[in-house]
């Protein structure tokens, strides 16, 4: 997905912040998925 971003320092800072937030959200969802999967496997055994 291409974004129309102006080549300014403030846009770079905003984009880096957005990428970091996205990565943190992804990692949080991954940890939640792993926890739910672990609970599911515990219930099955």
Protein backbone atom coordinates (compact mmCIF):
# COMPACT_ATOMS: atom_id res chain seq x y z
CA UNK A 1 0.00 0.00 0.00
CA UNK A 2 1.61 3.23 -1.14
CA UNK A 3 1.15 6.33 0.98
CA UNK A 4 1.38 9.90 -0.25
CA UNK A 5 3.96 11.25 2.20
CA UNK A 6 5.71 14.59 1.98
CA UNK A 7 9.50 14.33 2.29
CA UNK A 8 9.81 16.33 5.51
CA UNK A 9 11.44 15.52 8.81
CA UNK A 10 8.17 15.78 10.72
CA UNK A 11 6.52 13.29 8.34
CA UNK A 12 9.46 10.92 8.87
CA UNK A 13 9.05 11.17 12.65
CA UNK A 14 5.29 10.60 12.38
CA UNK A 15 5.79 7.62 10.06
CA UNK A 16 8.37 6.05 12.40
CA UNK A 17 5.98 6.50 15.33
CA UNK A 18 3.15 4.92 13.32
CA UNK A 19 5.33 1.94 12.35
CA UNK A 20 6.37 1.42 15.98
CA UNK A 21 2.74 1.54 17.17
CA UNK A 22 1.75 -0.94 14.48
CA UNK A 23 4.55 -3.32 15.48
CA UNK A 24 3.58 -3.03 19.16
CA UNK A 25 -0.05 -3.77 18.30
CA UNK A 26 0.99 -6.77 16.21
CA UNK A 27 3.14 -8.14 19.03
CA UNK A 28 0.31 -7.64 21.54
CA UNK A 29 -2.13 -9.54 19.32
CA UNK A 30 0.46 -12.29 18.83
CA UNK A 31 0.90 -12.67 22.60
CA UNK A 32 -2.90 -12.76 23.05
CA UNK A 33 -3.22 -15.43 20.35
CA UNK A 34 -0.49 -17.52 21.99
CA UNK A 35 -2.17 -17.21 25.40
CA UNK A 36 -5.57 -18.21 24.04
CA UNK A 37 -4.05 -21.14 22.17
CA UNK A 38 -2.31 -22.27 25.36
CA UNK A 39 -5.62 -22.10 27.28
CA UNK A 40 -7.35 -24.02 24.50
CA UNK A 41 -4.71 -26.76 24.55
CA UNK A 42 -5.01 -26.94 28.37
CA UNK A 43 -8.77 -27.42 28.10
CA UNK A 44 -8.33 -30.22 25.58
CA UNK A 45 -5.91 -32.20 27.74
